[in-house]
C-alpha atoms as a PDB file:
ATOM      1  CA  MET A   1     288.875  82.336  15.002  1.00  0.00           C
ATOM      2  CA  HIS A   2     291.154  79.325  15.517  1.00  0.00           C
ATOM      3  CA  ILE A   3     289.729  76.276  16.872  1.00  0.00           C
ATOM      4  CA  GLN A   4     290.700  74.415  20.484  1.00  0.00           C
ATOM      5  CA  LYS A   5     290.408  70.953  20.004  1.00  0.00           C
ATOM      6  CA  HIS A   6     289.414  69.663  23.328  1.00  0.00           C
ATOM      7  CA  LYS A   7     286.503  67.377  23.995  1.00  0.00           C
ATOM      8  CA  ILE A   8     283.914  68.875  26.216  1.00  0.00           C
ATOM      9  CA  ALA A   9     280.604  68.381  27.242  1.00  0.00           C
ATOM     10  CA  VAL A  10     278.298  71.248  25.284  1.00  0.00           C
ATOM     11  CA  VAL A  11     274.736  71.952  26.911  1.00  0.00           C
ATOM     12  CA  GLY A  12     272.142  73.053  24.459  1.00  0.00           C
ATOM     13  CA  THR A  13     270.541  76.281  25.555  1.00  0.00           C
ATOM     14  CA  ALA A  14     268.018  77.628  24.126  1.00  0.00           C
ATOM     15  CA  ILE A  15     268.027  81.483  22.862  1.00  0.00           C
ATOM     16  CA  ALA A  16     265.436  83.624  23.871  1.00  0.00           C
ATOM     17  CA  ALA A  17     266.610  86.923  22.990  1.00  0.00           C
ATOM     18  CA  ILE A  18     267.284  86.612  19.229  1.00  0.00           C
ATOM     19  CA  ALA A  19     266.218  89.335  16.923  1.00  0.00           C
ATOM     20  CA  ILE A  20     264.227  88.429  14.007  1.00  0.00           C
ATOM     21  CA  LEU A  21     263.536  90.019  10.427  1.00  0.00           C
ATOM     22  CA  THR A  22     259.800  89.310  10.180  1.00  0.00           C
ATOM     23  CA  GLY A  23     259.421  87.691   6.733  1.00  0.00           C
ATOM     24  CA  LEU A  24     262.679  86.737   5.926  1.00  0.00           C
ATOM     25  CA  PHE A  25     263.474  83.469   8.580  1.00  0.00           C
ATOM     26  CA  SER A  26     261.700  81.452  10.819  1.00  0.00           C
ATOM     27  CA  TYR A  27     263.869  81.420  14.093  1.00  0.00           C
ATOM     28  CA  ARG A  28     263.557  78.591  16.721  1.00  0.00           C
ATOM     29  CA  ASN A  29     265.773  76.358  18.955  1.00  0.00           C
ATOM     30  CA  PRO A  30     268.622  75.506  17.480  1.00  0.00           C
ATOM     31  CA  THR A  31     269.659  72.832  19.259  1.00  0.00           C
ATOM     32  CA  ARG A  32     266.772  70.625  18.497  1.00  0.00           C
ATOM     33  CA  GLY A  33     267.541  70.005  14.834  1.00  0.00           C
ATOM     34  CA  ASN A  34     264.439  72.249  14.040  1.00  0.00           C
ATOM     35  CA  THR A  35     263.966  73.219  10.218  1.00  0.00           C
ATOM     36  CA  TYR A  36     264.150  76.688   9.395  1.00  0.00           C
ATOM     37  CA  LYS A  37     262.815  78.721   5.871  1.00  0.00           C
ATOM     38  CA  THR A  38     264.345  81.773   4.494  1.00  0.00           C
ATOM     39  CA  ILE A  39     262.581  83.516   1.361  1.00  0.00           C
ATOM     40  CA  LYS A  40     264.835  86.136   0.644  1.00  0.00           C
ATOM     41  CA  ARG A  41     267.318  84.249  -1.775  1.00  0.00           C
ATOM     42  CA  THR A  42     266.404  81.700  -4.256  1.00  0.00           C
ATOM     43  CA  MET A  43     269.455  79.547  -5.408  1.00  0.00           C
ATOM     44  CA  ASP A  44     270.321  75.836  -5.767  1.00  0.00           C
ATOM     45  CA  ARG A  45     272.822  76.732  -2.517  1.00  0.00           C
ATOM     46  CA  LYS A  46     273.970  73.571  -0.688  1.00  0.00           C
ATOM     47  CA  LEU A  47     276.067  74.586   2.255  1.00  0.00           C
ATOM     48  CA  PHE A  48     277.646  72.868   5.282  1.00  0.00           C
ATOM     49  CA  LEU A  49     278.063  75.232   7.804  1.00  0.00           C
ATOM     50  CA  CYS A  50     279.822  74.344  11.588  1.00  0.00           C
ATOM     51  CA  SER A  51     282.505  75.444  13.547  1.00  0.00           C
ATOM     52  CA  SER A  52     284.658  72.139  14.130  1.00  0.00           C
ATOM     53  CA  PHE A  53     284.159  70.015  11.097  1.00  0.00           C
ATOM     54  CA  ALA A  54     285.900  66.978  12.581  1.00  0.00           C
ATOM     55  CA  ASP A  55     283.464  67.258  15.276  1.00  0.00           C
ATOM     56  CA  VAL A  56     280.697  67.019  12.874  1.00  0.00           C
ATOM     57  CA  ALA A  57     282.261  64.874   9.979  1.00  0.00           C
ATOM     58  CA  THR A  58     279.262  62.127  10.983  1.00  0.00           C
ATOM     59  CA  LEU A  59     276.926  64.267   9.670  1.00  0.00           C
ATOM     60  CA  PHE A  60     278.425  65.238   6.588  1.00  0.00           C
ATOM     61  CA  PRO A  61     277.955  61.892   3.962  1.00  0.00           C
ATOM     62  CA  THR A  62     274.015  62.216   4.488  1.00  0.00           C
ATOM     63  CA  PHE A  63     274.181  65.927   3.756  1.00  0.00           C
ATOM     64  CA  ALA A  64     276.346  65.044   0.699  1.00  0.00           C
ATOM     65  CA  GLY A  65     274.406  62.548  -0.556  1.00  0.00           C
ATOM     66  CA  GLU A  66     276.310  60.935  -2.951  1.00  0.00           C
ATOM     67  CA  ASP A  67     279.509  58.457  -3.146  1.00  0.00           C
ATOM     68  CA  MET A  68     282.279  60.864  -2.787  1.00  0.00           C
ATOM     69  CA  LYS A  69     285.054  58.565  -3.380  1.00  0.00           C
ATOM     70  CA  GLY A  70     287.274  59.860  -6.400  1.00  0.00           C
ATOM     71  CA  LYS A  71     285.842  63.216  -6.308  1.00  0.00           C
ATOM     72  CA  SER A  72     287.806  66.285  -5.621  1.00  0.00           C
ATOM     73  CA  VAL A  73     287.652  69.376  -2.777  1.00  0.00           C
ATOM     74  CA  ALA A  74     289.472  72.728  -3.158  1.00  0.00           C
ATOM     75  CA  PHE A  75     290.550  73.067   0.550  1.00  0.00           C
ATOM     76  CA  ILE A  76     291.194  76.677   1.571  1.00  0.00           C
ATOM     77  CA  PRO A  77     293.246  76.877   4.761  1.00  0.00           C
ATOM     78  CA  THR A  78     294.019  80.407   4.349  1.00  0.00           C
ATOM     79  CA  ALA A  79     292.517  81.900   7.426  1.00  0.00           C
ATOM     80  CA  SER A  80     294.726  79.670   9.624  1.00  0.00           C
ATOM     81  CA  ILE A  81     298.169  80.643   7.956  1.00  0.00           C
ATOM     82  CA  HIS A  82     299.155  83.087  10.700  1.00  0.00           C
ATOM     83  CA  GLU A  83     297.554  80.988  13.807  1.00  0.00           C
ATOM     84  CA  GLU A  84     299.919  79.289  16.337  1.00  0.00           C
ATOM     85  CA  TYR A  85     297.230  76.686  16.845  1.00  0.00           C
ATOM     86  CA  ARG A  86     296.445  74.976  13.343  1.00  0.00           C
ATOM     87  CA  GLN A  87     295.643  71.022  14.205  1.00  0.00           C
ATOM     88  CA  TYR A  88     292.195  72.165  13.193  1.00  0.00           C
ATOM     89  CA  VAL A  89     293.388  72.164   9.736  1.00  0.00           C
ATOM     90  CA  GLU A  90     294.924  68.412   9.734  1.00  0.00           C
ATOM     91  CA  ASP A  91     291.928  67.446  11.373  1.00  0.00           C
ATOM     92  CA  GLY A  92     289.560  68.608   8.534  1.00  0.00           C
ATOM     93  CA  ARG A  93     292.023  67.355   5.508  1.00  0.00           C
ATOM     94  CA  ARG A  94     292.371  63.991   7.054  1.00  0.00           C
ATOM     95  CA  THR A  95     288.624  63.691   7.230  1.00  0.00           C
ATOM     96  CA  LEU A  96     288.098  64.919   4.073  1.00  0.00           C
ATOM     97  CA  SER A  97     290.404  62.640   2.427  1.00  0.00           C
ATOM     98  CA  GLY A  98     288.705  59.619   4.694  1.00  0.00           C
ATOM     99  CA  TYR A  99     285.741  60.328   2.725  1.00  0.00           C
ATOM    100  CA  GLY A 100     288.076  59.154  -0.596  1.00  0.00           C
ATOM    101  CA  LEU A 101     288.049  62.746  -1.448  1.00  0.00           C
ATOM    102  CA  LYS A 102     291.165  64.223  -2.953  1.00  0.00           C
ATOM    103  CA  ILE A 103     292.698  67.309  -1.798  1.00  0.00           C
ATOM    104  CA  VAL A 104     293.462  70.212  -3.637  1.00  0.00           C
ATOM    105  CA  ASP A 105     295.389  72.329  -1.621  1.00  0.00           C
ATOM    106  CA  LEU A 106     294.331  76.545  -2.149  1.00  0.00           C
ATOM    107  CA  GLU A 107     296.399  78.796  -0.468  1.00  0.00           C
ATOM    108  CA  ILE A 108     294.767  81.882  -1.689  1.00  0.00           C
ATOM    109  CA  SER A 109     297.223  84.216  -0.670  1.00  0.00           C
ATOM    110  CA  GLN A 110     300.449  82.713  -2.543  1.00  0.00           C
ATOM    111  CA  MET A 111     298.352  81.523  -5.551  1.00  0.00           C
ATOM    112  CA  PRO A 112     297.608  83.617  -8.640  1.00  0.00           C
ATOM    113  CA  GLU A 113     293.878  84.391  -9.799  1.00  0.00           C
ATOM    114  CA  LYS A 114     293.823  81.947 -12.604  1.00  0.00           C
ATOM    115  CA  GLU A 115     295.065  79.432 -10.857  1.00  0.00           C
ATOM    116  CA  ILE A 116     292.427  80.134  -7.997  1.00  0.00           C
ATOM    117  CA  ALA A 117     289.619  80.123 -10.430  1.00  0.00           C
ATOM    118  CA  HIS A 118     290.750  76.650 -12.471  1.00  0.00           C
ATOM    119  CA  ALA A 119     290.923  74.869  -9.116  1.00  0.00           C
ATOM    120  CA  LEU A 120     287.308  76.055  -7.781  1.00  0.00           C
ATOM    121  CA  GLU A 121     285.432  75.812 -11.067  1.00  0.00           C
ATOM    122  CA  ALA A 122     287.438  72.423 -11.598  1.00  0.00           C
ATOM    123  CA  CYS A 123     286.489  70.728  -7.706  1.00  0.00           C
ATOM    124  CA  ASP A 124     283.516  68.943  -7.072  1.00  0.00           C
ATOM    125  CA  TYR A 125     283.619  70.795  -3.555  1.00  0.00           C
ATOM    126  CA  ILE A 126     284.457  73.456  -1.787  1.00  0.00           C
ATOM    127  CA  TYR A 127     286.168  73.675   1.939  1.00  0.00           C
ATOM    128  CA  VAL A 128     287.217  76.774   3.542  1.00  0.00           C
ATOM    129  CA  SER A 129     288.922  76.241   7.160  1.00  0.00           C
ATOM    130  CA  GLY A 130     288.837  78.248  10.298  1.00  0.00           C
ATOM    131  CA  GLY A 131     291.217  80.761  11.808  1.00  0.00           C
ATOM    132  CA  ASN A 132     291.055  84.904  11.370  1.00  0.00           C
ATOM    133  CA  THR A 133     287.891  85.591   9.649  1.00  0.00           C
ATOM    134  CA  PHE A 134     288.872  89.227   8.481  1.00  0.00           C
ATOM    135  CA  PHE A 135     292.502  88.085   7.016  1.00  0.00           C
ATOM    136  CA  LEU A 136     290.364  85.253   5.045  1.00  0.00           C
ATOM    137  CA  LEU A 137     287.942  88.075   4.038  1.00  0.00           C
ATOM    138  CA  GLN A 138     290.699  89.938   3.067  1.00  0.00           C
ATOM    139  CA  GLU A 139     293.088  87.759   0.916  1.00  0.00           C
ATOM    140  CA  LEU A 140     289.827  86.350  -0.835  1.00  0.00           C
ATOM    141  CA  ARG A 141     288.886  89.758  -2.039  1.00  0.00           C
ATOM    142  CA  LYS A 142     292.376  90.659  -3.218  1.00  0.00           C
ATOM    143  CA  LYS A 143     291.926  87.331  -5.124  1.00  0.00           C
ATOM    144  CA  LYS A 144     288.823  87.677  -6.350  1.00  0.00           C
ATOM    145  CA  ALA A 145     288.051  84.241  -4.795  1.00  0.00           C
ATOM    146  CA  ASP A 146     285.066  85.697  -3.323  1.00  0.00           C
ATOM    147  CA  GLN A 147     282.982  86.593  -6.155  1.00  0.00           C
ATOM    148  CA  LEU A 148     284.602  82.951  -8.048  1.00  0.00           C
ATOM    149  CA  ILE A 149     282.895  80.905  -4.997  1.00  0.00           C
ATOM    150  CA  ILE A 150     279.980  82.835  -5.298  1.00  0.00           C
ATOM    151  CA  ARG A 151     279.717  81.906  -8.758  1.00  0.00           C
ATOM    152  CA  GLU A 152     280.187  78.135  -7.921  1.00  0.00           C
ATOM    153  CA  ILE A 153     278.101  77.931  -5.026  1.00  0.00           C
ATOM    154  CA  GLU A 154     275.294  79.637  -7.283  1.00  0.00           C
ATOM    155  CA  LYS A 155     275.626  76.883  -9.917  1.00  0.00           C
ATOM    156  CA  GLY A 156     275.005  74.332  -7.311  1.00  0.00           C
ATOM    157  CA  LYS A 157     278.543  73.337  -5.999  1.00  0.00           C
ATOM    158  CA  THR A 158     278.435  71.713  -1.858  1.00  0.00           C
ATOM    159  CA  TYR A 159     280.688  74.552  -0.166  1.00  0.00           C
ATOM    160  CA  ILE A 160     281.839  73.283   3.360  1.00  0.00           C
ATOM    161  CA  GLY A 161     282.586  76.247   5.995  1.00  0.00           C
ATOM    162  CA  GLU A 162     284.257  75.912   9.309  1.00  0.00           C
ATOM    163  CA  SER A 163     284.533  78.660  11.504  1.00  0.00           C
ATOM    164  CA  ALA A 164     285.944  81.748  10.038  1.00  0.00           C
ATOM    165  CA  GLY A 165     284.811  79.508   6.482  1.00  0.00           C
ATOM    166  CA  THR A 166     281.386  79.556   8.230  1.00  0.00           C
ATOM    167  CA  MET A 167     281.139  83.099   9.463  1.00  0.00           C
ATOM    168  CA  ILE A 168     281.899  84.662   5.894  1.00  0.00           C
ATOM    169  CA  MET A 169     278.813  83.612   4.398  1.00  0.00           C
ATOM    170  CA  ALA A 170     276.660  86.014   6.475  1.00  0.00           C
ATOM    171  CA  PRO A 171     275.731  88.930   5.415  1.00  0.00           C
ATOM    172  CA  ASP A 172     278.622  91.157   7.054  1.00  0.00           C
ATOM    173  CA  ILE A 173     281.126  90.211   9.495  1.00  0.00           C
ATOM    174  CA  LYS A 174     281.601  93.147  11.892  1.00  0.00           C
ATOM    175  CA  TYR A 175     280.361  90.659  15.058  1.00  0.00           C
ATOM    176  CA  ALA A 176     283.142  88.802  14.682  1.00  0.00           C
ATOM    177  CA  LYS A 177     285.142  91.041  16.411  1.00  0.00           C
ATOM    178  CA  GLU A 178     284.090  89.671  19.485  1.00  0.00           C
ATOM    179  CA  MET A 179     286.092  86.821  18.896  1.00  0.00           C
ATOM    180  CA  ASP A 180     288.847  87.825  16.394  1.00  0.00           C
ATOM    181  CA  ASN A 181     291.663  90.940  16.233  1.00  0.00           C
ATOM    182  CA  HIS A 182     290.158  92.470  13.157  1.00  0.00           C
ATOM    183  CA  LEU A 183     293.380  94.945  12.975  1.00  0.00           C
ATOM    184  CA  SER A 184     296.203  92.516  13.724  1.00  0.00           C
ATOM    185  CA  LEU A 185     296.641  90.526  10.286  1.00  0.00           C
ATOM    186  CA  THR A 186     294.327  93.618   8.515  1.00  0.00           C
ATOM    187  CA  PRO A 187     295.294  96.921   9.179  1.00  0.00           C
ATOM    188  CA  GLY A 188     293.094  99.321   8.064  1.00  0.00           C
ATOM    189  CA  PHE A 189     290.203  97.145   7.366  1.00  0.00           C
ATOM    190  CA  CYS A 190     286.752  98.560   7.369  1.00  0.00           C
ATOM    191  CA  ASP A 191     284.781  97.283   4.776  1.00  0.00           C
ATOM    192  CA  PHE A 192     283.018  94.136   6.600  1.00  0.00           C
ATOM    193  CA  THR A 193     280.774  93.162   3.968  1.00  0.00           C
ATOM    194  CA  ALA A 194     280.790  89.435   3.447  1.00  0.00           C
ATOM    195  CA  LEU A 195     279.942  86.781   0.456  1.00  0.00           C
ATOM    196  CA  GLY A 196     276.011  87.132   1.518  1.00  0.00           C
ATOM    197  CA  LEU A 197     274.736  83.678   0.875  1.00  0.00           C
ATOM    198  CA  ILE A 198     272.954  83.471   3.854  1.00  0.00           C
ATOM    199  CA  ASN A 199     270.760  86.210   5.620  1.00  0.00           C
ATOM    200  CA  PHE A 200     271.461  85.133   9.229  1.00  0.00           C
ATOM    201  CA  TYR A 201     274.486  85.403  11.126  1.00  0.00           C
ATOM    202  CA  PRO A 202     276.354  81.875  12.589  1.00  0.00           C
ATOM    203  CA  VAL A 203     277.577  82.049  15.860  1.00  0.00           C
ATOM    204  CA  VAL A 204     280.379  79.571  15.951  1.00  0.00           C
ATOM    205  CA  HIS A 205     281.637  77.547  18.836  1.00  0.00           C
ATOM    206  CA  TYR A 206     278.628  79.344  20.872  1.00  0.00           C
ATOM    207  CA  ASN A 207     278.993  77.741  24.248  1.00  0.00           C
ATOM    208  CA  SER A 208     282.484  75.738  23.098  1.00  0.00           C
ATOM    209  CA  PHE A 209     285.520  76.088  24.855  1.00  0.00           C
ATOM    210  CA  PRO A 210     287.631  78.707  24.544  1.00  0.00           C
ATOM    211  CA  PHE A 211     284.870  80.779  23.467  1.00  0.00           C
ATOM    212  CA  GLU A 212     282.105  81.027  26.058  1.00  0.00           C
ATOM    213  CA  ARG A 213     282.382  84.431  26.749  1.00  0.00           C
ATOM    214  CA  GLU A 214     282.843  85.951  23.207  1.00  0.00           C
ATOM    215  CA  THR A 215     279.901  84.083  21.924  1.00  0.00           C
ATOM    216  CA  LYS A 216     277.472  85.189  24.917  1.00  0.00           C
ATOM    217  CA  ASN A 217     278.807  88.723  24.125  1.00  0.00           C
ATOM    218  CA  ILE A 218     277.623  88.146  21.052  1.00  0.00           C
ATOM    219  CA  ILE A 219     274.297  87.057  21.759  1.00  0.00           C
ATOM    220  CA  ARG A 220     274.149  89.726  24.345  1.00  0.00           C
ATOM    221  CA  LYS A 221     275.198  92.995  21.614  1.00  0.00           C
ATOM    222  CA  TYR A 222     274.351  92.191  18.498  1.00  0.00           C
ATOM    223  CA  THR A 223     270.598  91.665  19.392  1.00  0.00           C
ATOM    224  CA  ASP A 224     269.507  93.498  15.650  1.00  0.00           C
ATOM    225  CA  LEU A 225     271.156  90.380  13.827  1.00  0.00           C
ATOM    226  CA  GLU A 226     269.664  87.230  12.998  1.00  0.00           C
ATOM    227  CA  LEU A 227     271.977  85.108  15.105  1.00  0.00           C
ATOM    228  CA  VAL A 228     272.279  81.383  14.909  1.00  0.00           C
ATOM    229  CA  PRO A 229     274.405  79.822  17.224  1.00  0.00           C
ATOM    230  CA  ILE A 230     276.211  76.472  17.110  1.00  0.00           C
ATOM    231  CA  SER A 231     278.296  74.647  19.523  1.00  0.00           C
ATOM    232  CA  ASN A 232     281.487  72.586  18.024  1.00  0.00           C
ATOM    233  CA  GLU A 233     279.078  69.379  17.727  1.00  0.00           C
ATOM    234  CA  GLN A 234     276.562  71.394  15.696  1.00  0.00           C
ATOM    235  CA  ALA A 235     276.329  71.949  11.487  1.00  0.00           C
ATOM    236  CA  ILE A 236     274.168  74.405   9.712  1.00  0.00           C
ATOM    237  CA  GLU A 237     272.952  72.735   6.911  1.00  0.00           C
ATOM    238  CA  VAL A 238     271.045  74.769   3.803  1.00  0.00           C
ATOM    239  CA  ILE A 239     269.757  73.459   0.688  1.00  0.00           C
ATOM    240  CA  GLY A 240     267.754  75.804  -1.363  1.00  0.00           C
ATOM    241  CA  GLU A 241     265.674  77.587   0.646  1.00  0.00           C
ATOM    242  CA  SER A 242     265.479  75.085   3.986  1.00  0.00           C
ATOM    243  CA  ILE A 243     268.184  75.490   6.395  1.00  0.00           C
ATOM    244  CA  LYS A 244     268.445  73.517   9.212  1.00  0.00           C
ATOM    245  CA  VAL A 245     270.301  72.941  12.405  1.00  0.00           C
ATOM    246  CA  GLU A 246     271.335  69.461  13.273  1.00  0.00           C
ATOM    247  CA  THR A 247     273.559  67.858  16.270  1.00  0.00           C
ATOM    248  CA  LYS A 248     275.882  65.198  15.787  1.00  0.00           C
END
């Protein structure tokens, strides 16, 4: 989904009706910066997952835990290339540049696999912007970039996901149909299996314009999933087995 850039008042809301997979995840109110524990996957993963990166950018330097000046980030805007509104892409790029990071643009659909693989391996960070979640996953698969990203994350590389870039970390993205048209850009798309680097399902833009209705529909409809809603002013920080939701 695309991100409409509006300043809104985000009201923290406790989610009472969330389905929990026993033994895998401990869930509490995501609007209070609580800590979560997952015991399903064990790896040196470091994921910064958000709805709108520019809106939570002040949280990232502490999460990164290092001087970013002079380092490089593989910047993947592919999800947005067919969107009418793309300002959030430039906002993300500008924010990263402000940290002193060198931007290496990777428009996956237009690049050969070898170049993609080299850039993902060479860069210090991976950033995947928002847009159409299904188109993004389709294009990543075509170039085998989904597996390359998984490999780099498992090696300890920091991943930054924004909106669609956050949702593809879930086990699957079928629930994103409430927010994105999964057939307009991806006719015949039927395999919703995503990268699965987390065992829960982020609900991005929760209670945030213009997705108030869509995100509430997800909460109501997908009661069998481990949903973790985040507003535009929140981020899910994953370091190894530690998971917490932070509010700026």
